[in-house]
Amino acid sequence: MLIICLFFQAGCQALKFKKVDAREVSPDPRKRVEKNLSEGRGFRLSDINKNNNTFSFASSNPLWQATLETLDFMPLTSANYSGGIIITDWYTEDQNINESIKITVKFLTNEIRSDALDIDIFKKICSKNSTNCSVAKGDNELVTKLNYSILNKAALIKKQDLKKNSDKNPYVFSEPSRENLNKKKKK
C-alpha cells in the first residue's frame, strides 16, 4: 500500500524536487511564500497576519440582499449563502387557492450582471378537491421581471454602500455630480 501511495505522489508536481540557484531566491520569506503559492507549490492554512477587510457575509453581498428583499413576501424553505441558492416554499395568494408557485434562485456569480442569477419558477395547479395536482416549470415572463427587479435593487444597494463607505475609503471614486460634469463640458 505504501509503495502505491509513493508511486502516485511521485506524479505530483508540487512534491518534485527542483534545483534552485540561491541568488534567484528572495531572502524575504513572505515573497517566497507568495511565489510558491502563485506557482501552485504550497498552501496557506489561514490569513491571520493579513489585514483583509473583505467579508463574505451574506449581508455584504448586494445581490443576495436584493434577492431576499424581493422575495420577502414568500416563505423560504432554504437560504444557503455558501451554496449560493435560495428556495422558497409553495406560495398561494388568497384569490386563487388552487394555484401556487415556488421560486428557486441560484447565484452564478456575486457580480451584478444579467447572467448572475439562474431563476426557476414552478407553478402547481390543483383540482378543486386538491387530490390531483400538476407541477410545471416555466413562466418566462415572470422570471424576466423577477431577474430585472433583483438586479435593479442590487444596483441601488451597491450604490448606497459606495456612498456610505466613500468617506471611510478616500480611494473609492463616487459618481460624478451633474455640476462637475457640466463644468467639465464648458471648459
Protein backbone atom coordinates (compact mmCIF):
# COMPACT_ATOMS: atom_id res chain seq x y z
CA MET A 1 0.00 0.00 0.00
CA LEU A 2 2.83 2.36 0.88
CA ILE A 3 4.51 1.70 -2.45
CA ILE A 4 1.31 2.58 -4.32
CA CYS A 5 0.97 5.85 -2.39
CA LEU A 6 4.57 6.79 -3.13
CA PHE A 7 4.05 5.96 -6.80
CA PHE A 8 1.05 8.32 -7.05
CA GLN A 9 2.76 11.09 -5.08
CA ALA A 10 5.76 10.94 -7.40
CA GLY A 11 3.47 12.24 -10.14
CA CYS A 12 2.58 15.37 -8.14
CA GLN A 13 4.30 18.45 -9.47
CA ALA A 14 4.27 20.09 -6.04
CA LEU A 15 6.34 17.28 -4.50
CA LYS A 16 9.04 17.13 -7.16
CA PHE A 17 12.44 18.49 -6.22
CA LYS A 18 13.76 21.33 -8.34
CA LYS A 19 17.29 22.68 -8.21
CA VAL A 20 17.22 26.39 -7.43
CA ASP A 21 20.03 28.95 -7.52
CA ALA A 22 20.23 30.74 -4.14
CA ARG A 23 20.81 34.07 -5.90
CA GLU A 24 17.36 33.84 -7.52
CA VAL A 25 15.51 33.25 -4.24
CA SER A 26 14.34 36.25 -2.26
CA PRO A 27 15.57 36.45 1.35
CA ASP A 28 12.14 37.77 2.36
CA PRO A 29 10.02 34.78 3.49
CA ARG A 30 6.74 36.49 2.54
CA LYS A 31 7.89 36.89 -1.05
CA ARG A 32 9.00 33.24 -1.17
CA VAL A 33 5.62 32.11 0.17
CA GLU A 34 3.75 34.24 -2.37
CA LYS A 35 5.93 32.91 -5.20
CA ASN A 36 5.35 29.31 -4.11
CA LEU A 37 1.60 29.88 -3.84
CA SER A 38 1.44 31.53 -7.26
CA GLU A 39 3.31 28.58 -8.77
CA GLY A 40 0.97 26.12 -7.07
CA ARG A 41 3.66 24.63 -4.84
CA GLY A 42 2.13 25.30 -1.46
CA PHE A 43 -0.93 26.19 0.50
CA ARG A 44 -1.87 28.53 3.31
CA LEU A 45 -3.90 27.42 6.31
CA SER A 46 -5.08 30.90 7.25
CA ASP A 47 -4.53 34.57 6.62
CA ILE A 48 -4.03 35.56 10.24
CA ASN A 49 -1.42 38.21 9.57
CA LYS A 50 -3.29 39.84 6.71
CA ASN A 51 -5.41 42.90 7.33
CA ASN A 52 -8.03 41.85 4.85
CA ASN A 53 -11.31 43.72 5.32
CA THR A 54 -13.38 41.86 2.76
CA PHE A 55 -16.00 39.72 4.41
CA SER A 56 -18.07 37.04 2.80
CA PHE A 57 -21.15 37.66 4.91
CA ALA A 58 -24.47 37.48 3.16
CA SER A 59 -25.36 40.96 4.38
CA SER A 60 -22.41 42.44 2.48
CA ASN A 61 -23.46 40.94 -0.86
CA PRO A 62 -25.87 43.32 -2.62
CA LEU A 63 -27.17 40.62 -4.99
CA TRP A 64 -28.04 38.29 -2.11
CA GLN A 65 -29.57 41.12 -0.12
CA ALA A 66 -31.68 42.30 -3.07
CA THR A 67 -32.95 38.78 -3.72
CA LEU A 68 -34.07 38.34 -0.11
CA GLU A 69 -35.76 41.75 -0.15
CA THR A 70 -37.54 40.95 -3.41
CA LEU A 71 -38.76 37.57 -2.17
CA ASP A 72 -39.61 38.72 1.37
CA PHE A 73 -43.34 38.10 0.85
CA MET A 74 -42.73 34.37 0.27
CA PRO A 75 -41.87 31.79 2.93
CA LEU A 76 -38.36 30.39 2.48
CA THR A 77 -37.54 26.70 2.57
CA SER A 78 -33.80 27.17 2.23
CA ALA A 79 -31.44 30.12 2.03
CA ASN A 80 -27.87 28.86 1.78
CA TYR A 81 -25.38 31.66 1.16
CA SER A 82 -22.33 29.41 0.91
CA GLY A 83 -24.14 27.16 -1.55
CA GLY A 84 -25.49 30.15 -3.46
CA ILE A 85 -29.14 29.12 -3.54
CA ILE A 86 -32.48 30.37 -2.24
CA ILE A 87 -35.55 28.14 -2.39
CA THR A 88 -39.00 29.38 -1.44
CA ASP A 89 -41.86 27.29 -0.20
CA TRP A 90 -45.07 26.98 -2.20
CA TYR A 91 -46.87 30.32 -2.15
CA THR A 92 -50.57 30.77 -2.76
CA GLU A 93 -52.42 34.04 -2.98
CA ASP A 94 -55.78 34.38 -1.29
CA GLN A 95 -57.55 35.00 -4.61
CA ASN A 96 -56.71 31.64 -6.20
CA ILE A 97 -56.26 28.85 -3.68
CA ASN A 98 -55.77 26.13 -6.31
CA GLU A 99 -52.62 27.69 -7.82
CA SER A 100 -49.30 28.15 -6.08
CA ILE A 101 -45.75 28.99 -7.14
CA LYS A 102 -42.29 28.05 -5.91
CA ILE A 103 -39.14 30.00 -6.82
CA THR A 104 -35.54 28.80 -6.87
CA VAL A 105 -32.72 31.32 -7.28
CA LYS A 106 -29.18 30.09 -7.93
CA PHE A 107 -26.30 32.57 -7.74
CA LEU A 108 -23.79 32.02 -10.53
CA THR A 109 -21.59 34.99 -9.56
CA ASN A 110 -21.52 37.77 -6.97
CA GLU A 111 -21.21 40.44 -9.63
CA ILE A 112 -24.31 42.43 -10.52
CA ARG A 113 -24.87 41.49 -14.14
CA SER A 114 -27.61 39.98 -16.28
CA ASP A 115 -26.29 36.41 -16.15
CA ALA A 116 -25.60 36.39 -12.40
CA LEU A 117 -28.81 34.58 -11.46
CA ASP A 118 -30.47 31.36 -12.58
CA ILE A 119 -34.13 31.66 -11.62
CA ASP A 120 -36.62 28.80 -11.90
CA ILE A 121 -40.33 29.22 -11.20
CA PHE A 122 -42.57 26.22 -10.66
CA LYS A 123 -46.33 26.50 -10.85
CA LYS A 124 -48.59 23.97 -9.10
CA ILE A 125 -52.21 23.73 -10.15
CA CYS A 126 -54.53 21.56 -8.08
CA SER A 127 -58.08 20.49 -8.79
CA LYS A 128 -60.93 21.67 -6.57
CA ASN A 129 -60.67 18.65 -4.25
CA SER A 130 -56.83 19.06 -4.00
CA THR A 131 -56.13 15.41 -4.77
CA ASN A 132 -54.82 15.89 -8.29
CA CYS A 133 -52.04 18.41 -8.67
CA SER A 134 -49.78 19.11 -11.61
CA VAL A 135 -46.46 20.93 -11.41
CA ALA A 136 -44.96 22.72 -14.39
CA LYS A 137 -41.78 24.72 -14.79
CA GLY A 138 -41.96 27.93 -16.69
CA ASP A 139 -43.46 31.41 -16.84
CA ASN A 140 -40.53 33.07 -18.57
CA GLU A 141 -42.17 36.49 -18.35
CA LEU A 142 -42.23 36.31 -14.55
CA VAL A 143 -38.61 35.06 -14.50
CA THR A 144 -37.55 38.07 -16.58
CA LYS A 145 -39.43 40.52 -14.36
CA LEU A 146 -38.02 38.95 -11.20
CA ASN A 147 -34.47 38.98 -12.58
CA TYR A 148 -34.83 42.63 -13.60
CA SER A 149 -36.25 43.59 -10.21
CA ILE A 150 -33.46 41.84 -8.27
CA LEU A 151 -30.69 43.33 -10.42
CA ASN A 152 -32.11 46.86 -10.13
CA LYS A 153 -32.44 46.55 -6.37
CA ALA A 154 -28.90 45.13 -6.09
CA ALA A 155 -27.50 48.03 -8.12
CA LEU A 156 -29.24 50.52 -5.81
CA ILE A 157 -27.94 48.73 -2.70
CA LYS A 158 -24.39 48.73 -4.09
CA LYS A 159 -24.66 52.43 -4.96
CA GLN A 160 -25.85 53.22 -1.42
CA ASP A 161 -22.99 51.16 0.06
CA LEU A 162 -20.46 53.01 -2.08
CA LYS A 163 -21.83 56.37 -0.96
CA LYS A 164 -21.86 55.27 2.67
CA ASN A 165 -18.29 53.92 2.54
CA SER A 166 -16.75 56.65 0.37
CA ASP A 167 -15.88 58.79 3.40
CA LYS A 168 -14.14 55.79 5.04
CA ASN A 169 -12.06 54.98 1.97
CA PRO A 170 -10.75 58.00 0.04
CA TYR A 171 -9.72 55.79 -2.89
CA VAL A 172 -13.28 54.83 -3.78
CA PHE A 173 -14.47 57.09 -6.54
CA SER A 174 -18.01 58.28 -6.19
CA GLU A 175 -20.33 59.00 -9.05
CA PRO A 176 -19.64 62.47 -10.51
CA SER A 177 -22.28 65.07 -9.83
CA ARG A 178 -24.12 66.84 -12.65
CA GLU A 179 -22.50 70.13 -11.66
CA ASN A 180 -18.99 68.72 -12.08
CA LEU A 181 -19.91 67.18 -15.42
CA ASN A 182 -21.33 70.47 -16.68
CA LYS A 183 -18.19 72.34 -15.57
CA LYS A 184 -16.00 69.90 -17.50
CA LYS A 185 -18.14 70.27 -20.63
CA LYS A 186 -17.90 74.09 -20.52
CA LYS A 187 -14.10 74.01 -20.40
